[in-house]
Amino acid sequence: VQLAVRDHVRPGDIAFDVGANAGAFA
């Protein structure tokens, strides 16, 4: 999942982390 985030979230983007848990992906 980290790779998918790395490839698709760019500077200035708006992103949602639904089910943030401990916050690693946020």
PDB file of all heavy atoms in Angstrom:
ATOM      1  N   VAL A   1       0.843  -1.195   0.000  1.00  0.00           N
ATOM      2  CA  VAL A   1       0.000   0.000   0.000  1.00  0.00           C
ATOM      3  C   VAL A   1       0.880   1.248   0.000  1.00  0.00           C
ATOM      4  O   VAL A   1       0.548   2.257  -0.637  1.00  0.00           O
ATOM      5  CB  VAL A   1      -0.966  -0.003   1.192  1.00  0.00           C
ATOM      6  CG1 VAL A   1      -1.884   1.217   1.160  1.00  0.00           C
ATOM      7  CG2 VAL A   1      -1.801  -1.280   1.202  1.00  0.00           C
ATOM      8  N   GLN A   2       2.008   1.183   0.700  1.00  0.00           N
ATOM      9  CA  GLN A   2       2.930   2.310   0.679  1.00  0.00           C
ATOM     10  C   GLN A   2       3.339   2.671  -0.744  1.00  0.00           C
ATOM     11  O   GLN A   2       3.437   3.850  -1.099  1.00  0.00           O
ATOM     12  CB  GLN A   2       4.190   1.977   1.487  1.00  0.00           C
ATOM     13  CG  GLN A   2       4.038   2.082   2.980  1.00  0.00           C
ATOM     14  CD  GLN A   2       5.377   1.989   3.660  1.00  0.00           C
ATOM     15  OE1 GLN A   2       6.335   2.666   3.268  1.00  0.00           O
ATOM     16  NE2 GLN A   2       5.486   1.153   4.662  1.00  0.00           N
ATOM     17  N   LEU A   3       3.589   1.659  -1.576  1.00  0.00           N
ATOM     18  CA  LEU A   3       3.987   1.932  -2.953  1.00  0.00           C
ATOM     19  C   LEU A   3       2.869   2.637  -3.713  1.00  0.00           C
ATOM     20  O   LEU A   3       3.122   3.545  -4.516  1.00  0.00           O
ATOM     21  CB  LEU A   3       4.378   0.637  -3.654  1.00  0.00           C
ATOM     22  CG  LEU A   3       5.752   0.070  -3.294  1.00  0.00           C
ATOM     23  CD1 LEU A   3       5.978  -1.263  -3.991  1.00  0.00           C
ATOM     24  CD2 LEU A   3       6.860   1.050  -3.664  1.00  0.00           C
ATOM     25  N   ALA A   4       1.619   2.227  -3.474  1.00  0.00           N
ATOM     26  CA  ALA A   4       0.495   2.883  -4.145  1.00  0.00           C
ATOM     27  C   ALA A   4       0.383   4.341  -3.712  1.00  0.00           C
ATOM     28  O   ALA A   4       0.112   5.230  -4.535  1.00  0.00           O
ATOM     29  CB  ALA A   4      -0.797   2.131  -3.852  1.00  0.00           C
ATOM     30  N   VAL A   5       0.595   4.605  -2.417  1.00  0.00           N
ATOM     31  CA  VAL A   5       0.570   5.986  -1.935  1.00  0.00           C
ATOM     32  C   VAL A   5       1.724   6.768  -2.550  1.00  0.00           C
ATOM     33  O   VAL A   5       1.560   7.899  -3.024  1.00  0.00           O
ATOM     34  CB  VAL A   5       0.636   6.017  -0.393  1.00  0.00           C
ATOM     35  CG1 VAL A   5       0.759   7.453   0.119  1.00  0.00           C
ATOM     36  CG2 VAL A   5      -0.595   5.351   0.208  1.00  0.00           C
ATOM     37  N   ARG A   6       2.888   6.179  -2.548  1.00  0.00           N
ATOM     38  CA  ARG A   6       4.084   6.821  -3.119  1.00  0.00           C
ATOM     39  C   ARG A   6       3.862   7.217  -4.572  1.00  0.00           C
ATOM     40  O   ARG A   6       4.292   8.290  -5.015  1.00  0.00           O
ATOM     41  CB  ARG A   6       5.262   5.855  -2.997  1.00  0.00           C
ATOM     42  CG  ARG A   6       6.421   6.117  -3.939  1.00  0.00           C
ATOM     43  CD  ARG A   6       7.360   4.915  -3.979  1.00  0.00           C
ATOM     44  NE  ARG A   6       8.174   4.914  -5.177  1.00  0.00           N
ATOM     45  CZ  ARG A   6       9.515   4.947  -5.177  1.00  0.00           C
ATOM     46  NH1 ARG A   6      10.173   5.006  -4.051  1.00  0.00           N
ATOM     47  NH2 ARG A   6      10.181   4.923  -6.308  1.00  0.00           N
ATOM     48  N   ASP A   7       3.178   6.361  -5.331  1.00  0.00           N
ATOM     49  CA  ASP A   7       3.023   6.593  -6.768  1.00  0.00           C
ATOM     50  C   ASP A   7       1.896   7.561  -7.108  1.00  0.00           C
ATOM     51  O   ASP A   7       1.846   8.049  -8.246  1.00  0.00           O
ATOM     52  CB  ASP A   7       2.762   5.262  -7.480  1.00  0.00           C
ATOM     53  CG  ASP A   7       3.960   4.331  -7.448  1.00  0.00           C
ATOM     54  OD1 ASP A   7       5.090   4.818  -7.240  1.00  0.00           O
ATOM     55  OD2 ASP A   7       3.773   3.102  -7.609  1.00  0.00           O
ATOM     56  N   HIS A   8       0.981   7.836  -6.160  1.00  0.00           N
ATOM     57  CA  HIS A   8      -0.217   8.577  -6.534  1.00  0.00           C
ATOM     58  C   HIS A   8      -0.473   9.850  -5.727  1.00  0.00           C
ATOM     59  O   HIS A   8      -1.355  10.619  -6.091  1.00  0.00           O
ATOM     60  CB  HIS A   8      -1.446   7.659  -6.432  1.00  0.00           C
ATOM     61  CG  HIS A   8      -1.408   6.535  -7.413  1.00  0.00           C
ATOM     62  ND1 HIS A   8      -1.177   5.234  -7.030  1.00  0.00           N
ATOM     63  CD2 HIS A   8      -1.571   6.511  -8.764  1.00  0.00           C
ATOM     64  CE1 HIS A   8      -1.197   4.457  -8.103  1.00  0.00           C
ATOM     65  NE2 HIS A   8      -1.423   5.202  -9.163  1.00  0.00           N
ATOM     66  N   VAL A   9       0.232  10.068  -4.633  1.00  0.00           N
ATOM     67  CA  VAL A   9       0.052  11.304  -3.862  1.00  0.00           C
ATOM     68  C   VAL A   9       1.226  12.222  -4.169  1.00  0.00           C
ATOM     69  O   VAL A   9       2.376  11.860  -3.938  1.00  0.00           O
ATOM     70  CB  VAL A   9      -0.052  11.026  -2.353  1.00  0.00           C
ATOM     71  CG1 VAL A   9      -0.185  12.336  -1.581  1.00  0.00           C
ATOM     72  CG2 VAL A   9      -1.243  10.119  -2.060  1.00  0.00           C
ATOM     73  N   ARG A  10       0.908  13.404  -4.690  1.00  0.00           N
ATOM     74  CA  ARG A  10       1.929  14.338  -5.140  1.00  0.00           C
ATOM     75  C   ARG A  10       1.806  15.661  -4.383  1.00  0.00           C
ATOM     76  O   ARG A  10       0.770  15.939  -3.775  1.00  0.00           O
ATOM     77  CB  ARG A  10       1.788  14.579  -6.648  1.00  0.00           C
ATOM     78  CG  ARG A  10       2.193  13.373  -7.499  1.00  0.00           C
ATOM     79  CD  ARG A  10       3.701  13.166  -7.414  1.00  0.00           C
ATOM     80  NE  ARG A  10       4.173  12.066  -8.254  1.00  0.00           N
ATOM     81  CZ  ARG A  10       4.493  10.872  -7.794  1.00  0.00           C
ATOM     82  NH1 ARG A  10       4.361  10.605  -6.498  1.00  0.00           N
ATOM     83  NH2 ARG A  10       4.963   9.945  -8.600  1.00  0.00           N
ATOM     84  N   PRO A  11       2.850  16.495  -4.420  1.00  0.00           N
ATOM     85  CA  PRO A  11       2.785  17.785  -3.723  1.00  0.00           C
ATOM     86  C   PRO A  11       1.549  18.591  -4.117  1.00  0.00           C
ATOM     87  O   PRO A  11       1.220  18.726  -5.297  1.00  0.00           O
ATOM     88  CB  PRO A  11       4.079  18.477  -4.177  1.00  0.00           C
ATOM     89  CG  PRO A  11       5.023  17.353  -4.438  1.00  0.00           C
ATOM     90  CD  PRO A  11       4.176  16.262  -5.017  1.00  0.00           C
ATOM     91  N   GLY A  12       0.859  19.112  -3.100  1.00  0.00           N
ATOM     92  CA  GLY A  12      -0.339  19.903  -3.320  1.00  0.00           C
ATOM     93  C   GLY A  12      -1.618  19.112  -3.404  1.00  0.00           C
ATOM     94  O   GLY A  12      -2.709  19.692  -3.486  1.00  0.00           O
ATOM     95  N   ASP A  13      -1.560  17.777  -3.356  1.00  0.00           N
ATOM     96  CA  ASP A  13      -2.758  16.942  -3.477  1.00  0.00           C
ATOM     97  C   ASP A  13      -3.608  16.993  -2.224  1.00  0.00           C
ATOM     98  O   ASP A  13      -3.132  17.318  -1.124  1.00  0.00           O
ATOM     99  CB  ASP A  13      -2.374  15.486  -3.752  1.00  0.00           C
ATOM    100  CG  ASP A  13      -2.030  15.223  -5.206  1.00  0.00           C
ATOM    101  OD1 ASP A  13      -2.147  16.169  -6.017  1.00  0.00           O
ATOM    102  OD2 ASP A  13      -1.639  14.082  -5.525  1.00  0.00           O
ATOM    103  N   ILE A  14      -4.879  16.608  -2.394  1.00  0.00           N
ATOM    104  CA  ILE A  14      -5.782  16.330  -1.280  1.00  0.00           C
ATOM    105  C   ILE A  14      -5.940  14.813  -1.212  1.00  0.00           C
ATOM    106  O   ILE A  14      -6.256  14.172  -2.226  1.00  0.00           O
ATOM    107  CB  ILE A  14      -7.149  16.992  -1.471  1.00  0.00           C
ATOM    108  CG1 ILE A  14      -6.998  18.513  -1.516  1.00  0.00           C
ATOM    109  CG2 ILE A  14      -8.110  16.593  -0.349  1.00  0.00           C
ATOM    110  CD1 ILE A  14      -8.289  19.236  -1.882  1.00  0.00           C
ATOM    111  N   ALA A  15      -5.690  14.229  -0.052  1.00  0.00           N
ATOM    112  CA  ALA A  15      -5.776  12.776   0.114  1.00  0.00           C
ATOM    113  C   ALA A  15      -6.548  12.457   1.381  1.00  0.00           C
ATOM    114  O   ALA A  15      -6.464  13.195   2.373  1.00  0.00           O
ATOM    115  CB  ALA A  15      -4.380  12.155   0.169  1.00  0.00           C
ATOM    116  N   PHE A  16      -7.297  11.357   1.346  1.00  0.00           N
ATOM    117  CA  PHE A  16      -8.055  10.889   2.507  1.00  0.00           C
ATOM    118  C   PHE A  16      -7.464   9.567   2.988  1.00  0.00           C
ATOM    119  O   PHE A  16      -7.204   8.660   2.171  1.00  0.00           O
ATOM    120  CB  PHE A  16      -9.526  10.650   2.154  1.00  0.00           C
ATOM    121  CG  PHE A  16     -10.360  11.894   1.990  1.00  0.00           C
ATOM    122  CD1 PHE A  16      -9.803  13.156   2.036  1.00  0.00           C
ATOM    123  CD2 PHE A  16     -11.740  11.789   1.780  1.00  0.00           C
ATOM    124  CE1 PHE A  16     -10.570  14.302   1.888  1.00  0.00           C
ATOM    125  CE2 PHE A  16     -12.525  12.920   1.614  1.00  0.00           C
ATOM    126  CZ  PHE A  16     -11.945  14.169   1.673  1.00  0.00           C
ATOM    127  N   ASP A  17      -7.274   9.446   4.289  1.00  0.00           N
ATOM    128  CA  ASP A  17      -6.887   8.179   4.923  1.00  0.00           C
ATOM    129  C   ASP A  17      -8.060   7.728   5.770  1.00  0.00           C
ATOM    130  O   ASP A  17      -8.274   8.222   6.880  1.00  0.00           O
ATOM    131  CB  ASP A  17      -5.630   8.365   5.771  1.00  0.00           C
ATOM    132  CG  ASP A  17      -5.135   7.051   6.376  1.00  0.00           C
ATOM    133  OD1 ASP A  17      -5.728   5.998   6.074  1.00  0.00           O
ATOM    134  OD2 ASP A  17      -4.155   7.088   7.138  1.00  0.00           O
ATOM    135  N   VAL A  18      -8.831   6.794   5.262  1.00  0.00           N
ATOM    136  CA  VAL A  18     -10.045   6.320   5.932  1.00  0.00           C
ATOM    137  C   VAL A  18      -9.698   5.029   6.672  1.00  0.00           C
ATOM    138  O   VAL A  18      -9.445   3.997   6.069  1.00  0.00           O
ATOM    139  CB  VAL A  18     -11.185   6.084   4.914  1.00  0.00           C
ATOM    140  CG1 VAL A  18     -12.442   5.618   5.633  1.00  0.00           C
ATOM    141  CG2 VAL A  18     -11.456   7.355   4.117  1.00  0.00           C
ATOM    142  N   GLY A  19      -9.690   5.118   7.993  1.00  0.00           N
ATOM    143  CA  GLY A  19      -9.191   4.033   8.829  1.00  0.00           C
ATOM    144  C   GLY A  19      -7.720   4.270   9.092  1.00  0.00           C
ATOM    145  O   GLY A  19      -6.856   3.477   8.733  1.00  0.00           O
ATOM    146  N   ALA A  20      -7.422   5.402   9.753  1.00  0.00           N
ATOM    147  CA  ALA A  20      -6.028   5.841   9.896  1.00  0.00           C
ATOM    148  C   ALA A  20      -5.233   4.971  10.858  1.00  0.00           C
ATOM    149  O   ALA A  20      -3.999   4.960  10.800  1.00  0.00           O
ATOM    150  CB  ALA A  20      -5.986   7.294  10.367  1.00  0.00           C
ATOM    151  N   ASN A  21      -5.914   4.269  11.774  1.00  0.00           N
ATOM    152  CA  ASN A  21      -5.237   3.423  12.755  1.00  0.00           C
ATOM    153  C   ASN A  21      -4.174   4.244  13.479  1.00  0.00           C
ATOM    154  O   ASN A  21      -4.463   5.322  13.979  1.00  0.00           O
ATOM    155  CB  ASN A  21      -4.676   2.162  12.093  1.00  0.00           C
ATOM    156  CG  ASN A  21      -4.420   1.046  13.079  1.00  0.00           C
ATOM    157  OD1 ASN A  21      -3.344   0.940  13.644  1.00  0.00           O
ATOM    158  ND2 ASN A  21      -5.411   0.207  13.304  1.00  0.00           N
ATOM    159  N   ALA A  22      -2.936   3.765  13.546  1.00  0.00           N
ATOM    160  CA  ALA A  22      -1.905   4.492  14.288  1.00  0.00           C
ATOM    161  C   ALA A  22      -1.356   5.693  13.533  1.00  0.00           C
ATOM    162  O   ALA A  22      -0.578   6.462  14.088  1.00  0.00           O
ATOM    163  CB  ALA A  22      -0.761   3.552  14.651  1.00  0.00           C
ATOM    164  N   GLY A  23      -1.733   5.852  12.263  1.00  0.00           N
ATOM    165  CA  GLY A  23      -1.346   7.048  11.525  1.00  0.00           C
ATOM    166  C   GLY A  23      -0.238   6.871  10.519  1.00  0.00           C
ATOM    167  O   GLY A  23       0.244   7.862   9.964  1.00  0.00           O
ATOM    168  N   ALA A  24       0.170   5.634  10.226  1.00  0.00           N
ATOM    169  CA  ALA A  24       1.325   5.430   9.346  1.00  0.00           C
ATOM    170  C   ALA A  24       1.086   5.986   7.949  1.00  0.00           C
ATOM    171  O   ALA A  24       1.962   6.650   7.374  1.00  0.00           O
ATOM    172  CB  ALA A  24       1.664   3.941   9.261  1.00  0.00           C
ATOM    173  N   PHE A  25      -0.097   5.741   7.384  1.00  0.00           N
ATOM    174  CA  PHE A  25      -0.333   6.205   6.020  1.00  0.00           C
ATOM    175  C   PHE A  25      -0.652   7.697   5.976  1.00  0.00           C
ATOM    176  O   PHE A  25      -0.285   8.385   5.021  1.00  0.00           O
ATOM    177  CB  PHE A  25      -1.436   5.385   5.356  1.00  0.00           C
ATOM    178  CG  PHE A  25      -0.991   4.002   4.992  1.00  0.00           C
ATOM    179  CD1 PHE A  25      -1.474   2.901   5.668  1.00  0.00           C
ATOM    180  CD2 PHE A  25      -0.055   3.814   3.997  1.00  0.00           C
ATOM    181  CE1 PHE A  25      -1.037   1.627   5.346  1.00  0.00           C
ATOM    182  CE2 PHE A  25       0.398   2.548   3.663  1.00  0.00           C
ATOM    183  CZ  PHE A  25      -0.091   1.444   4.343  1.00  0.00           C
ATOM    184  N   ALA A  26      -1.321   8.208   6.990  1.00  0.00           N
ATOM    185  CA  ALA A  26      -1.531   9.654   7.047  1.00  0.00           C
ATOM    186  C   ALA A  26      -0.196  10.372   7.128  1.00  0.00           C
ATOM    187  O   ALA A  26       0.000  11.439   6.527  1.00  0.00           O
ATOM    188  CB  ALA A  26      -2.413  10.013   8.239  1.00  0.00           C
TER     189      ALA A  26
END
